[in-house]
Each structure stands twice: as structure tokens, then as C-alpha cells.
Amino acid sequence: MEQFLIDQATKKDIVLDSDKARIVDSEINQVVAESKKFTDWHKKSSTQAELKVRLRPILEKHDLPILDSVFDEILERAGTSSTPKSYWFVGASYGKGSEDQTERFLAEGVWQNGYQDKYLDVVRSMQPGDKIAIKSSYTRKRDLPFDSKGQTVSVMGIKAIGMVTKNHGDGRSVDVDWEPRLDPAKEWYFYTNRSTVWRVLPDLRRGLAWL
């Protein structure tokens, strides 16, 4: 979508660099994600008409062409692209001794970056429609569902799964449509990461089919 937006801007002799195109793409995705709450949104002419009305101010703000061909391209890409751009594994506590925020995140329909000086650009890159999971990372040597030959194994416990619905653009907060909490947590072994925010691309997902 970003390259399509750049091409449309070029037709009007407007300079739209990749960073700005990414911002426009994010704004469009937020509007489309809200429309996709209707399961048959792509079949209802009334919903598509409303979507066009909501997309128009975004295109106007960035001096992009207000043409049916542009709307049709956005609708087509939104209707056929069901695969998230990214899968995010995120923490819910920030630093030694900090309180786990999982229950609050689920209750409020959010995920928040607890740091004021870390992961800001990464969080800004989260897109509506991306899958997100609250995880905790640890190691285990015993009580594993396989024989580890006495070796310590890295484990990632997934406590909740959801979909990003809005990015506030502050590097700190996104809105999330969370599914009910996983109890007990679903555990994943070996292919893990201890970072507070870990991005996994679809082609590197390596069998995380439960996401």
C-alpha cells in the first residue's frame, strides 16, 4: 500500500517519502480495521460508502487524489489482505519487581509500553490488524512435555492473544481487541525472545498456528 500511495502522490507532483507514506498507510488501516468489524463489510454498499467518506479526509489532508480508482484500490487491498503484516509478542511488566499489567490491559482493551525511552519507534510501527500476544519468557529444566536430556530450555508463556485496532502514535499505547485470557498460559519452547517487544514477520512465524 505504501508504494501505491507514493505512486499516486507522484502523479500529482507531490513528494511523499516512505516515512510519510507509512503514516498515511497507518491512518488508512485504522479506518479499514474499524470497518472490518462487520463480517460482511466488503459486500455491503452502505458500509463501503461510509468507508469512502471516512477515507476522504485522510487523502485530502495529505493532498492525495480523491478518485474512485484510489478508493477501489484501497477497498480491494483491504478486502483481500487477511494476513497481518506483523505478529507482536509483548511484555506486561517492566523491570524487576514491577507489577504484571495483563489483567488491566485485557480489561481496558489496550497494551502499553511501560518505558518512556525504549521501544518508542517499534511501538509506533504497530499496525491495525496486526496480531499481538502478551508473553512472559523464562527457562525450565524439569516438567517439560519432552525429554530435554537434562538441558535447560527457553520457554515463552502466552497469556493472551488479540488484534491491534488502533495505534495512538505516541510510542506508548495501542488499542487491542483481546480474546479471553489463556489459563493456563500456552507455552512455546526454544524459539523465544526475552525482549519486552518482539516483532515476528509472517514468513518467520515458524508454525505459531495458534496465533
N, C-alpha and C. Protein backbone atom coordinates (compact mmCIF):
# COMPACT_ATOMS: atom_id res chain seq x y z
N MET A 1 0.83 -1.20 0.00
CA MET A 1 0.00 0.00 0.00
C MET A 1 0.87 1.26 0.00
N GLU A 2 1.99 1.23 0.71
CA GLU A 2 2.83 2.42 0.80
C GLU A 2 3.34 2.85 -0.57
N GLN A 3 3.78 1.88 -1.40
CA GLN A 3 4.27 2.22 -2.72
C GLN A 3 3.14 2.74 -3.60
N PHE A 4 1.95 2.18 -3.45
CA PHE A 4 0.79 2.66 -4.20
C PHE A 4 0.51 4.12 -3.86
N LEU A 5 0.58 4.48 -2.58
CA LEU A 5 0.34 5.86 -2.16
C LEU A 5 1.41 6.80 -2.72
N ILE A 6 2.65 6.35 -2.71
CA ILE A 6 3.74 7.16 -3.27
C ILE A 6 3.52 7.39 -4.76
N ASP A 7 3.09 6.34 -5.47
CA ASP A 7 2.83 6.46 -6.91
C ASP A 7 1.70 7.45 -7.19
N GLN A 8 0.64 7.40 -6.35
CA GLN A 8 -0.47 8.33 -6.54
C GLN A 8 -0.04 9.77 -6.29
N ALA A 9 0.81 9.96 -5.28
CA ALA A 9 1.30 11.31 -4.99
C ALA A 9 2.16 11.83 -6.14
N THR A 10 2.98 10.96 -6.71
CA THR A 10 3.85 11.35 -7.81
C THR A 10 3.04 11.85 -9.01
N LYS A 11 1.87 11.23 -9.22
CA LYS A 11 1.02 11.65 -10.34
C LYS A 11 0.55 13.10 -10.19
N LYS A 12 0.53 13.58 -8.94
CA LYS A 12 0.12 14.97 -8.69
C LYS A 12 1.34 15.86 -8.38
N ASP A 13 2.53 15.33 -8.70
CA ASP A 13 3.78 16.07 -8.44
C ASP A 13 3.94 16.41 -6.97
N ILE A 14 3.49 15.49 -6.11
CA ILE A 14 3.61 15.66 -4.66
C ILE A 14 4.70 14.71 -4.16
N VAL A 15 5.60 15.25 -3.34
CA VAL A 15 6.66 14.42 -2.77
C VAL A 15 6.13 13.73 -1.53
N LEU A 16 6.07 12.42 -1.58
CA LEU A 16 5.61 11.62 -0.43
C LEU A 16 6.68 10.58 -0.15
N ASP A 17 7.51 10.85 0.87
CA ASP A 17 8.58 9.89 1.16
C ASP A 17 8.02 8.67 1.90
N SER A 18 8.88 7.67 2.09
CA SER A 18 8.43 6.40 2.67
C SER A 18 7.93 6.56 4.10
N ASP A 19 8.54 7.47 4.87
CA ASP A 19 8.10 7.68 6.26
C ASP A 19 6.69 8.25 6.30
N LYS A 20 6.42 9.24 5.45
CA LYS A 20 5.09 9.85 5.42
C LYS A 20 4.07 8.86 4.85
N ALA A 21 4.51 8.08 3.85
CA ALA A 21 3.61 7.07 3.27
C ALA A 21 3.21 6.05 4.32
N ARG A 22 4.15 5.73 5.21
CA ARG A 22 3.86 4.77 6.27
C ARG A 22 2.81 5.34 7.24
N ILE A 23 2.89 6.64 7.51
CA ILE A 23 1.92 7.29 8.38
C ILE A 23 0.54 7.27 7.74
N VAL A 24 0.47 7.62 6.45
CA VAL A 24 -0.81 7.61 5.74
C VAL A 24 -1.38 6.20 5.71
N ASP A 25 -0.53 5.23 5.45
CA ASP A 25 -0.97 3.83 5.42
C ASP A 25 -1.55 3.41 6.77
N SER A 26 -0.90 3.86 7.86
CA SER A 26 -1.39 3.53 9.20
C SER A 26 -2.76 4.15 9.45
N GLU A 27 -2.95 5.41 9.02
CA GLU A 27 -4.24 6.08 9.22
C GLU A 27 -5.34 5.38 8.42
N ILE A 28 -5.02 4.98 7.20
CA ILE A 28 -6.00 4.25 6.38
C ILE A 28 -6.33 2.91 7.01
N ASN A 29 -5.31 2.22 7.50
CA ASN A 29 -5.53 0.90 8.10
C ASN A 29 -6.42 0.97 9.33
N GLN A 30 -6.30 2.06 10.10
CA GLN A 30 -7.14 2.21 11.29
C GLN A 30 -8.60 2.34 10.91
N VAL A 31 -8.87 3.12 9.86
CA VAL A 31 -10.24 3.28 9.39
C VAL A 31 -10.78 1.95 8.85
N VAL A 32 -9.96 1.25 8.08
CA VAL A 32 -10.39 -0.02 7.49
C VAL A 32 -10.62 -1.07 8.57
N ALA A 33 -9.74 -1.08 9.58
CA ALA A 33 -9.87 -2.07 10.65
C ALA A 33 -11.19 -1.91 11.39
N GLU A 34 -11.63 -0.67 11.60
CA GLU A 34 -12.91 -0.44 12.27
C GLU A 34 -14.06 -0.91 11.40
N SER A 35 -13.94 -0.72 10.08
CA SER A 35 -14.99 -1.18 9.16
C SER A 35 -15.05 -2.69 9.10
N LYS A 36 -13.92 -3.35 9.30
CA LYS A 36 -13.87 -4.81 9.20
C LYS A 36 -14.54 -5.50 10.38
N LYS A 37 -14.99 -4.73 11.36
CA LYS A 37 -15.73 -5.34 12.46
C LYS A 37 -17.03 -5.94 11.96
N PHE A 38 -17.50 -5.44 10.80
CA PHE A 38 -18.68 -6.03 10.16
C PHE A 38 -18.18 -7.19 9.31
N THR A 39 -18.65 -8.41 9.61
CA THR A 39 -18.10 -9.60 8.95
C THR A 39 -18.27 -9.59 7.45
N ASP A 40 -19.33 -8.96 6.95
CA ASP A 40 -19.55 -8.90 5.51
C ASP A 40 -19.41 -7.48 4.99
N TRP A 41 -18.49 -6.74 5.60
CA TRP A 41 -18.33 -5.33 5.28
C TRP A 41 -18.04 -5.11 3.80
N HIS A 42 -17.27 -6.04 3.17
CA HIS A 42 -16.88 -5.84 1.78
C HIS A 42 -18.02 -6.10 0.81
N LYS A 43 -19.17 -6.63 1.31
CA LYS A 43 -20.32 -6.89 0.46
C LYS A 43 -21.39 -5.81 0.58
N LYS A 44 -21.35 -5.04 1.66
CA LYS A 44 -22.39 -4.05 1.91
C LYS A 44 -22.00 -2.71 1.28
N SER A 45 -22.83 -2.25 0.33
CA SER A 45 -22.53 -0.99 -0.34
C SER A 45 -22.59 0.18 0.64
N SER A 46 -23.49 0.10 1.64
CA SER A 46 -23.61 1.18 2.61
C SER A 46 -22.35 1.31 3.45
N THR A 47 -21.77 0.18 3.83
CA THR A 47 -20.54 0.20 4.62
C THR A 47 -19.38 0.72 3.79
N GLN A 48 -19.32 0.31 2.52
CA GLN A 48 -18.26 0.80 1.65
C GLN A 48 -18.39 2.30 1.41
N ALA A 49 -19.63 2.77 1.28
CA ALA A 49 -19.85 4.21 1.09
C ALA A 49 -19.38 4.99 2.31
N GLU A 50 -19.69 4.47 3.49
CA GLU A 50 -19.26 5.12 4.73
C GLU A 50 -17.74 5.11 4.82
N LEU A 51 -17.13 4.01 4.40
CA LEU A 51 -15.67 3.91 4.45
C LEU A 51 -15.04 4.96 3.54
N LYS A 52 -15.62 5.17 2.36
CA LYS A 52 -15.10 6.18 1.46
C LYS A 52 -15.18 7.58 2.09
N VAL A 53 -16.29 7.85 2.78
CA VAL A 53 -16.47 9.14 3.44
C VAL A 53 -15.39 9.34 4.50
N ARG A 54 -15.07 8.29 5.21
CA ARG A 54 -14.08 8.39 6.29
C ARG A 54 -12.65 8.44 5.75
N LEU A 55 -12.45 7.87 4.56
CA LEU A 55 -11.11 7.90 3.97
C LEU A 55 -10.81 9.24 3.31
N ARG A 56 -11.84 9.92 2.83
CA ARG A 56 -11.65 11.17 2.10
C ARG A 56 -10.82 12.20 2.87
N PRO A 57 -11.12 12.49 4.16
CA PRO A 57 -10.32 13.48 4.89
C PRO A 57 -8.84 13.11 4.98
N ILE A 58 -8.55 11.81 5.05
CA ILE A 58 -7.15 11.38 5.11
C ILE A 58 -6.44 11.70 3.81
N LEU A 59 -7.09 11.38 2.69
CA LEU A 59 -6.50 11.66 1.39
C LEU A 59 -6.35 13.16 1.17
N GLU A 60 -7.37 13.93 1.57
CA GLU A 60 -7.31 15.38 1.40
C GLU A 60 -6.19 15.99 2.25
N LYS A 61 -6.05 15.50 3.48
CA LYS A 61 -5.04 16.04 4.38
C LYS A 61 -3.64 15.89 3.81
N HIS A 62 -3.42 14.80 3.08
CA HIS A 62 -2.09 14.53 2.52
C HIS A 62 -2.02 14.85 1.03
N ASP A 63 -3.03 15.59 0.52
CA ASP A 63 -3.05 16.04 -0.89
C ASP A 63 -3.00 14.88 -1.88
N LEU A 64 -3.59 13.77 -1.52
CA LEU A 64 -3.63 12.62 -2.41
C LEU A 64 -4.90 12.67 -3.27
N PRO A 65 -4.87 12.08 -4.44
CA PRO A 65 -6.02 12.15 -5.36
C PRO A 65 -7.29 11.56 -4.75
N ILE A 66 -8.41 12.29 -4.92
CA ILE A 66 -9.71 11.80 -4.47
C ILE A 66 -10.40 11.20 -5.70
N LEU A 67 -10.03 10.01 -6.04
CA LEU A 67 -10.54 9.35 -7.24
C LEU A 67 -11.15 8.00 -6.88
N ASP A 68 -12.14 7.58 -7.65
CA ASP A 68 -12.74 6.27 -7.43
C ASP A 68 -11.70 5.16 -7.55
N SER A 69 -10.75 5.34 -8.45
CA SER A 69 -9.72 4.31 -8.65
C SER A 69 -8.87 4.14 -7.40
N VAL A 70 -8.63 5.25 -6.69
CA VAL A 70 -7.86 5.18 -5.44
C VAL A 70 -8.68 4.47 -4.36
N PHE A 71 -9.95 4.86 -4.22
CA PHE A 71 -10.82 4.20 -3.24
C PHE A 71 -10.93 2.71 -3.55
N ASP A 72 -11.11 2.38 -4.83
CA ASP A 72 -11.28 0.98 -5.23
C ASP A 72 -10.03 0.16 -4.89
N GLU A 73 -8.87 0.77 -5.09
CA GLU A 73 -7.61 0.07 -4.78
C GLU A 73 -7.51 -0.20 -3.28
N ILE A 74 -7.86 0.79 -2.48
CA ILE A 74 -7.81 0.62 -1.02
C ILE A 74 -8.79 -0.46 -0.58
N LEU A 75 -10.01 -0.43 -1.12
CA LEU A 75 -11.01 -1.44 -0.78
C LEU A 75 -10.57 -2.83 -1.19
N GLU A 76 -9.98 -2.93 -2.39
CA GLU A 76 -9.55 -4.23 -2.88
C GLU A 76 -8.44 -4.80 -2.00
N ARG A 77 -7.47 -3.96 -1.68
CA ARG A 77 -6.35 -4.43 -0.84
C ARG A 77 -6.83 -4.78 0.56
N ALA A 78 -7.76 -3.99 1.09
CA ALA A 78 -8.29 -4.27 2.43
C ALA A 78 -9.10 -5.55 2.43
N GLY A 79 -9.82 -5.81 1.35
CA GLY A 79 -10.68 -6.98 1.30
C GLY A 79 -9.95 -8.27 1.07
N THR A 80 -8.80 -8.22 0.41
CA THR A 80 -8.08 -9.45 0.07
C THR A 80 -6.91 -9.73 0.99
N SER A 81 -6.50 -8.73 1.76
CA SER A 81 -5.35 -8.93 2.65
C SER A 81 -5.82 -9.30 4.04
N SER A 82 -5.85 -10.60 4.33
CA SER A 82 -6.29 -11.07 5.63
C SER A 82 -5.13 -11.47 6.54
N THR A 83 -3.91 -11.45 6.01
CA THR A 83 -2.74 -11.84 6.78
C THR A 83 -2.13 -10.62 7.46
N PRO A 84 -1.97 -10.64 8.77
CA PRO A 84 -1.35 -9.50 9.46
C PRO A 84 0.05 -9.23 8.93
N LYS A 85 0.45 -7.96 8.93
CA LYS A 85 1.80 -7.62 8.50
C LYS A 85 2.83 -8.10 9.51
N SER A 86 2.45 -8.09 10.77
CA SER A 86 3.38 -8.47 11.83
C SER A 86 2.64 -9.18 12.96
N TYR A 87 3.40 -9.99 13.69
CA TYR A 87 2.92 -10.61 14.92
C TYR A 87 3.81 -10.07 16.04
N TRP A 88 3.18 -9.57 17.10
CA TRP A 88 3.92 -8.92 18.18
C TRP A 88 3.79 -9.71 19.47
N PHE A 89 4.93 -9.99 20.08
CA PHE A 89 4.96 -10.62 21.40
C PHE A 89 5.45 -9.55 22.38
N VAL A 90 4.62 -9.23 23.37
CA VAL A 90 4.90 -8.09 24.23
C VAL A 90 4.81 -8.48 25.71
N GLY A 91 5.57 -7.77 26.52
CA GLY A 91 5.54 -7.99 27.95
C GLY A 91 4.46 -7.17 28.63
N ALA A 92 4.18 -7.53 29.87
CA ALA A 92 3.16 -6.80 30.64
C ALA A 92 3.70 -6.34 31.97
N SER A 93 5.00 -6.45 32.17
CA SER A 93 5.66 -5.89 33.35
C SER A 93 6.99 -5.33 32.90
N TYR A 94 7.47 -4.30 33.58
CA TYR A 94 8.60 -3.54 33.06
C TYR A 94 9.66 -3.36 34.14
N GLY A 95 10.58 -4.29 34.19
CA GLY A 95 11.66 -4.16 35.16
C GLY A 95 11.44 -5.03 36.38
N LYS A 96 12.50 -5.22 37.13
CA LYS A 96 12.49 -6.08 38.30
C LYS A 96 11.51 -5.58 39.35
N GLY A 97 10.64 -6.49 39.78
CA GLY A 97 9.71 -6.17 40.84
C GLY A 97 8.46 -5.42 40.40
N SER A 98 8.32 -5.14 39.12
CA SER A 98 7.15 -4.40 38.65
C SER A 98 5.93 -5.31 38.58
N GLU A 99 4.76 -4.72 38.70
CA GLU A 99 3.51 -5.49 38.74
C GLU A 99 3.07 -5.89 37.34
N ASP A 100 2.58 -7.11 37.22
CA ASP A 100 2.06 -7.61 35.95
C ASP A 100 0.77 -6.86 35.59
N GLN A 101 0.73 -6.27 34.40
CA GLN A 101 -0.40 -5.45 33.97
C GLN A 101 -1.39 -6.19 33.07
N THR A 102 -1.23 -7.52 32.94
CA THR A 102 -2.06 -8.28 32.00
C THR A 102 -3.55 -8.07 32.21
N GLU A 103 -4.03 -8.21 33.42
CA GLU A 103 -5.46 -8.09 33.69
C GLU A 103 -5.98 -6.70 33.34
N ARG A 104 -5.21 -5.69 33.65
CA ARG A 104 -5.63 -4.32 33.33
C ARG A 104 -5.68 -4.11 31.83
N PHE A 105 -4.67 -4.61 31.12
CA PHE A 105 -4.65 -4.47 29.67
C PHE A 105 -5.88 -5.12 29.04
N LEU A 106 -6.23 -6.31 29.51
CA LEU A 106 -7.39 -7.02 28.96
C LEU A 106 -8.68 -6.28 29.28
N ALA A 107 -8.78 -5.78 30.50
CA ALA A 107 -10.00 -5.09 30.93
C ALA A 107 -10.20 -3.77 30.18
N GLU A 108 -9.10 -3.07 29.90
CA GLU A 108 -9.19 -1.76 29.25
C GLU A 108 -9.07 -1.82 27.73
N GLY A 109 -8.75 -3.02 27.21
CA GLY A 109 -8.60 -3.16 25.76
C GLY A 109 -7.42 -2.40 25.20
N VAL A 110 -6.28 -2.48 25.91
CA VAL A 110 -5.09 -1.74 25.49
C VAL A 110 -3.84 -2.61 25.68
N TRP A 111 -2.75 -2.17 25.12
CA TRP A 111 -1.43 -2.59 25.55
C TRP A 111 -0.59 -1.34 25.60
N GLN A 112 0.24 -1.24 26.65
CA GLN A 112 1.04 -0.03 26.84
C GLN A 112 2.51 -0.37 27.06
N ASN A 113 3.35 0.41 26.45
CA ASN A 113 4.78 0.33 26.64
C ASN A 113 5.12 1.05 27.94
N GLY A 114 5.64 0.34 28.90
CA GLY A 114 5.90 0.92 30.21
C GLY A 114 7.15 1.77 30.28
N TYR A 115 7.90 1.83 29.19
CA TYR A 115 9.12 2.64 29.18
C TYR A 115 8.88 3.96 28.46
N GLN A 116 9.52 5.01 28.95
CA GLN A 116 9.40 6.32 28.31
C GLN A 116 10.53 6.59 27.32
N ASP A 117 11.56 5.74 27.34
CA ASP A 117 12.72 5.99 26.49
C ASP A 117 13.18 4.74 25.73
N LYS A 118 12.31 3.72 25.67
CA LYS A 118 12.67 2.49 24.96
C LYS A 118 11.50 2.00 24.12
N TYR A 119 11.81 1.42 22.98
CA TYR A 119 10.83 0.77 22.09
C TYR A 119 9.83 1.75 21.46
N LEU A 120 10.06 3.04 21.55
CA LEU A 120 9.07 4.01 21.07
C LEU A 120 8.83 3.86 19.56
N ASP A 121 9.90 3.80 18.77
CA ASP A 121 9.74 3.68 17.32
C ASP A 121 9.14 2.33 16.95
N VAL A 122 9.51 1.30 17.69
CA VAL A 122 8.98 -0.03 17.41
C VAL A 122 7.47 -0.05 17.64
N VAL A 123 7.03 0.52 18.75
CA VAL A 123 5.59 0.55 19.06
C VAL A 123 4.84 1.39 18.03
N ARG A 124 5.45 2.47 17.58
CA ARG A 124 4.79 3.30 16.56
C ARG A 124 4.57 2.54 15.26
N SER A 125 5.37 1.51 15.01
CA SER A 125 5.25 0.76 13.76
C SER A 125 4.16 -0.31 13.81
N MET A 126 3.55 -0.54 14.97
CA MET A 126 2.45 -1.49 15.05
C MET A 126 1.27 -0.99 14.23
N GLN A 127 0.64 -1.89 13.49
CA GLN A 127 -0.43 -1.50 12.59
C GLN A 127 -1.76 -2.14 13.00
N PRO A 128 -2.88 -1.43 12.79
CA PRO A 128 -4.18 -2.06 12.99
C PRO A 128 -4.29 -3.33 12.14
N GLY A 129 -4.78 -4.39 12.73
CA GLY A 129 -4.86 -5.67 12.04
C GLY A 129 -3.72 -6.60 12.41
N ASP A 130 -2.63 -6.08 12.98
CA ASP A 130 -1.54 -6.94 13.44
C ASP A 130 -2.01 -7.77 14.63
N LYS A 131 -1.52 -9.00 14.72
CA LYS A 131 -1.79 -9.84 15.87
C LYS A 131 -0.81 -9.49 16.99
N ILE A 132 -1.25 -9.60 18.23
CA ILE A 132 -0.41 -9.25 19.38
C ILE A 132 -0.67 -10.25 20.50
N ALA A 133 0.37 -10.63 21.21
CA ALA A 133 0.25 -11.60 22.30
C ALA A 133 1.05 -11.13 23.50
N ILE A 134 0.46 -11.21 24.68
CA ILE A 134 1.17 -10.91 25.92
C ILE A 134 1.93 -12.16 26.34
N LYS A 135 3.22 -12.00 26.57
CA LYS A 135 4.05 -13.17 26.86
C LYS A 135 4.94 -12.91 28.07
N SER A 136 5.39 -14.00 28.64
CA SER A 136 6.46 -13.94 29.65
C SER A 136 7.50 -14.96 29.22
N SER A 137 8.76 -14.63 29.42
CA SER A 137 9.85 -15.50 28.99
C SER A 137 10.64 -15.99 30.20
N TYR A 138 10.99 -17.26 30.17
CA TYR A 138 11.71 -17.85 31.29
C TYR A 138 12.38 -19.13 30.81
N THR A 139 13.07 -19.82 31.69
CA THR A 139 13.70 -21.09 31.35
C THR A 139 13.20 -22.18 32.29
N ARG A 140 13.32 -23.42 31.82
CA ARG A 140 12.86 -24.55 32.64
C ARG A 140 13.72 -25.77 32.31
N LYS A 141 13.97 -26.56 33.35
CA LYS A 141 14.77 -27.76 33.18
C LYS A 141 13.96 -29.02 33.44
N ARG A 142 12.91 -28.88 34.25
CA ARG A 142 12.07 -30.03 34.61
C ARG A 142 10.62 -29.79 34.18
N ASP A 143 9.82 -30.87 34.27
CA ASP A 143 8.38 -30.80 33.95
C ASP A 143 8.13 -30.27 32.54
N LEU A 144 8.93 -30.74 31.60
CA LEU A 144 8.75 -30.38 30.20
C LEU A 144 7.97 -31.48 29.48
N PRO A 145 7.24 -31.15 28.42
CA PRO A 145 6.47 -32.16 27.70
C PRO A 145 7.31 -32.99 26.74
N PHE A 146 8.62 -32.94 26.89
CA PHE A 146 9.54 -33.71 26.05
C PHE A 146 10.82 -33.93 26.84
N ASP A 147 11.65 -34.81 26.35
CA ASP A 147 12.91 -35.12 27.01
C ASP A 147 13.97 -34.12 26.57
N SER A 148 14.41 -33.27 27.49
CA SER A 148 15.41 -32.26 27.17
C SER A 148 16.83 -32.74 27.45
N LYS A 149 16.95 -34.02 27.79
CA LYS A 149 18.27 -34.58 28.07
C LYS A 149 18.97 -33.86 29.21
N GLY A 150 18.16 -33.35 30.15
CA GLY A 150 18.73 -32.66 31.30
C GLY A 150 19.16 -31.23 31.03
N GLN A 151 18.88 -30.73 29.82
CA GLN A 151 19.29 -29.37 29.46
C GLN A 151 18.19 -28.35 29.81
N THR A 152 18.61 -27.15 30.16
CA THR A 152 17.67 -26.07 30.42
C THR A 152 17.11 -25.56 29.09
N VAL A 153 15.81 -25.34 29.06
CA VAL A 153 15.12 -24.96 27.83
C VAL A 153 14.49 -23.57 28.00
N SER A 154 14.58 -22.75 26.95
CA SER A 154 13.91 -21.44 26.97
C SER A 154 12.42 -21.64 26.70
N VAL A 155 11.60 -20.91 27.46
CA VAL A 155 10.14 -21.06 27.37
C VAL A 155 9.50 -19.67 27.25
N MET A 156 8.45 -19.61 26.45
CA MET A 156 7.67 -18.38 26.35
C MET A 156 6.22 -18.73 26.65
N GLY A 157 5.68 -18.16 27.72
CA GLY A 157 4.30 -18.42 28.10
C GLY A 157 3.39 -17.34 27.53
N ILE A 158 2.39 -17.75 26.74
CA ILE A 158 1.46 -16.80 26.13
C ILE A 158 0.22 -16.69 27.01
N LYS A 159 -0.03 -15.49 27.51
CA LYS A 159 -1.13 -15.28 28.45
C LYS A 159 -2.39 -14.74 27.79
N ALA A 160 -2.25 -14.07 26.67
CA ALA A 160 -3.43 -13.51 25.99
C ALA A 160 -3.06 -13.20 24.55
N ILE A 161 -4.05 -13.28 23.67
CA ILE A 161 -3.87 -13.02 22.24
C ILE A 161 -4.93 -12.02 21.80
N GLY A 162 -4.56 -11.10 20.92
CA GLY A 162 -5.53 -10.13 20.43
C GLY A 162 -5.11 -9.55 19.10
N MET A 163 -5.84 -8.52 18.66
CA MET A 163 -5.55 -7.83 17.41
C MET A 163 -5.48 -6.34 17.66
N VAL A 164 -4.45 -5.70 17.16
CA VAL A 164 -4.30 -4.25 17.28
C VAL A 164 -5.41 -3.57 16.47
N THR A 165 -6.13 -2.65 17.09
CA THR A 165 -7.20 -1.93 16.40
C THR A 165 -6.87 -0.46 16.17
N LYS A 166 -5.95 0.09 16.98
CA LYS A 166 -5.57 1.49 16.81
C LYS A 166 -4.21 1.74 17.43
N ASN A 167 -3.39 2.53 16.74
CA ASN A 167 -2.10 2.96 17.26
C ASN A 167 -2.19 4.46 17.53
N HIS A 168 -1.92 4.87 18.77
CA HIS A 168 -2.04 6.27 19.14
C HIS A 168 -0.86 7.12 18.67
N GLY A 169 0.18 6.47 18.15
CA GLY A 169 1.28 7.20 17.56
C GLY A 169 2.25 7.84 18.53
N ASP A 170 2.09 7.52 19.81
CA ASP A 170 2.97 8.12 20.83
C ASP A 170 4.11 7.20 21.25
N GLY A 171 4.16 6.01 20.65
CA GLY A 171 5.20 5.05 21.02
C GLY A 171 4.94 4.37 22.34
N ARG A 172 3.78 4.62 22.92
CA ARG A 172 3.50 4.11 24.26
C ARG A 172 2.24 3.24 24.33
N SER A 173 1.27 3.46 23.44
CA SER A 173 -0.03 2.83 23.65
C SER A 173 -0.70 2.43 22.33
N VAL A 174 -1.30 1.23 22.33
CA VAL A 174 -2.15 0.78 21.23
C VAL A 174 -3.43 0.20 21.82
N ASP A 175 -4.52 0.31 21.07
CA ASP A 175 -5.78 -0.32 21.46
C ASP A 175 -5.79 -1.73 20.90
N VAL A 176 -6.36 -2.67 21.67
CA VAL A 176 -6.33 -4.08 21.28
C VAL A 176 -7.68 -4.73 21.54
N ASP A 177 -8.11 -5.53 20.59
CA ASP A 177 -9.29 -6.37 20.77
C ASP A 177 -8.80 -7.72 21.30
N TRP A 178 -8.80 -7.86 22.62
CA TRP A 178 -8.25 -9.07 23.25
C TRP A 178 -9.26 -10.22 23.28
N GLU A 179 -8.75 -11.42 23.08
CA GLU A 179 -9.54 -12.63 23.31
C GLU A 179 -9.47 -12.96 24.80
N PRO A 180 -10.34 -13.84 25.32
CA PRO A 180 -10.27 -14.21 26.74
C PRO A 180 -8.88 -14.72 27.10
N ARG A 181 -8.49 -14.45 28.33
CA ARG A 181 -7.15 -14.83 28.79
C ARG A 181 -6.94 -16.34 28.70
N LEU A 182 -5.74 -16.75 28.32
CA LEU A 182 -5.38 -18.16 28.26
C LEU A 182 -4.98 -18.63 29.65
N ASP A 183 -5.72 -19.57 30.19
CA ASP A 183 -5.45 -20.06 31.54
C ASP A 183 -5.62 -21.58 31.56
N PRO A 184 -4.52 -22.32 31.68
CA PRO A 184 -3.15 -21.84 31.87
C PRO A 184 -2.57 -21.23 30.59
N ALA A 185 -1.45 -20.56 30.76
CA ALA A 185 -0.79 -19.96 29.61
C ALA A 185 -0.35 -21.04 28.64
N LYS A 186 -0.41 -20.72 27.35
CA LYS A 186 0.08 -21.65 26.32
C LYS A 186 1.58 -21.45 26.19
N GLU A 187 2.32 -22.53 26.30
CA GLU A 187 3.78 -22.42 26.31
C GLU A 187 4.38 -22.79 24.96
N TRP A 188 5.42 -22.06 24.62
CA TRP A 188 6.17 -22.28 23.40
C TRP A 188 7.64 -22.43 23.78
N TYR A 189 8.34 -23.35 23.11
CA TYR A 189 9.70 -23.69 23.52
C TYR A 189 10.72 -23.37 22.43
N PHE A 190 11.92 -23.05 22.87
CA PHE A 190 13.11 -22.84 22.04
C PHE A 190 13.08 -21.51 21.26
N TYR A 191 12.12 -21.32 20.35
CA TYR A 191 12.08 -20.11 19.53
C TYR A 191 11.40 -19.01 20.33
N THR A 192 12.17 -18.38 21.21
CA THR A 192 11.63 -17.41 22.15
C THR A 192 12.48 -16.14 22.15
N ASN A 193 12.01 -15.14 22.88
CA ASN A 193 12.73 -13.88 22.95
C ASN A 193 12.38 -13.20 24.28
N ARG A 194 13.37 -12.64 24.94
CA ARG A 194 13.15 -12.04 26.25
C ARG A 194 12.89 -10.54 26.18
N SER A 195 12.95 -9.94 24.99
CA SER A 195 12.70 -8.51 24.86
C SER A 195 11.26 -8.18 25.21
N THR A 196 11.03 -6.97 25.70
CA THR A 196 9.67 -6.54 26.04
C THR A 196 8.78 -6.49 24.81
N VAL A 197 9.35 -6.12 23.66
CA VAL A 197 8.60 -6.08 22.41
C VAL A 197 9.38 -6.87 21.36
N TRP A 198 8.74 -7.88 20.81
CA TRP A 198 9.38 -8.74 19.81
C TRP A 198 8.47 -8.85 18.60
N ARG A 199 8.96 -8.41 17.46
CA ARG A 199 8.20 -8.47 16.21
C ARG A 199 8.58 -9.73 15.43
N VAL A 200 7.57 -10.47 14.98
CA VAL A 200 7.79 -11.65 14.15
C VAL A 200 7.01 -11.45 12.85
N LEU A 201 7.70 -11.53 11.73
CA LEU A 201 7.06 -11.38 10.43
C LEU A 201 6.34 -12.67 10.04
N PRO A 202 5.29 -12.57 9.22
CA PRO A 202 4.51 -13.76 8.86
C PRO A 202 5.34 -14.91 8.30
N ASP A 203 6.34 -14.61 7.48
CA ASP A 203 7.12 -15.69 6.89
C ASP A 203 8.16 -16.27 7.83
N LEU A 204 8.28 -15.68 9.03
CA LEU A 204 9.20 -16.20 10.04
C LEU A 204 8.46 -16.76 11.25
N ARG A 205 7.15 -16.92 11.09
CA ARG A 205 6.31 -17.28 12.23
C ARG A 205 6.58 -18.70 12.72
N ARG A 206 7.11 -19.54 11.85
CA ARG A 206 7.55 -20.89 12.21
C ARG A 206 6.53 -21.71 12.96
N GLY A 207 5.36 -21.80 12.39
CA GLY A 207 4.40 -22.74 12.95
C GLY A 207 3.64 -22.26 14.17
N LEU A 208 3.65 -20.96 14.46
CA LEU A 208 2.85 -20.46 15.59
C LEU A 208 1.40 -20.37 15.14
N ALA A 209 0.83 -21.51 14.76
CA ALA A 209 -0.50 -21.54 14.13
C ALA A 209 -1.61 -21.11 15.07
N TRP A 210 -1.34 -21.14 16.37
CA TRP A 210 -2.37 -20.78 17.34
C TRP A 210 -2.55 -19.27 17.44
N LEU A 211 -1.68 -18.50 16.77
CA LEU A 211 -1.83 -17.04 16.80
C LEU A 211 -2.88 -16.61 15.78
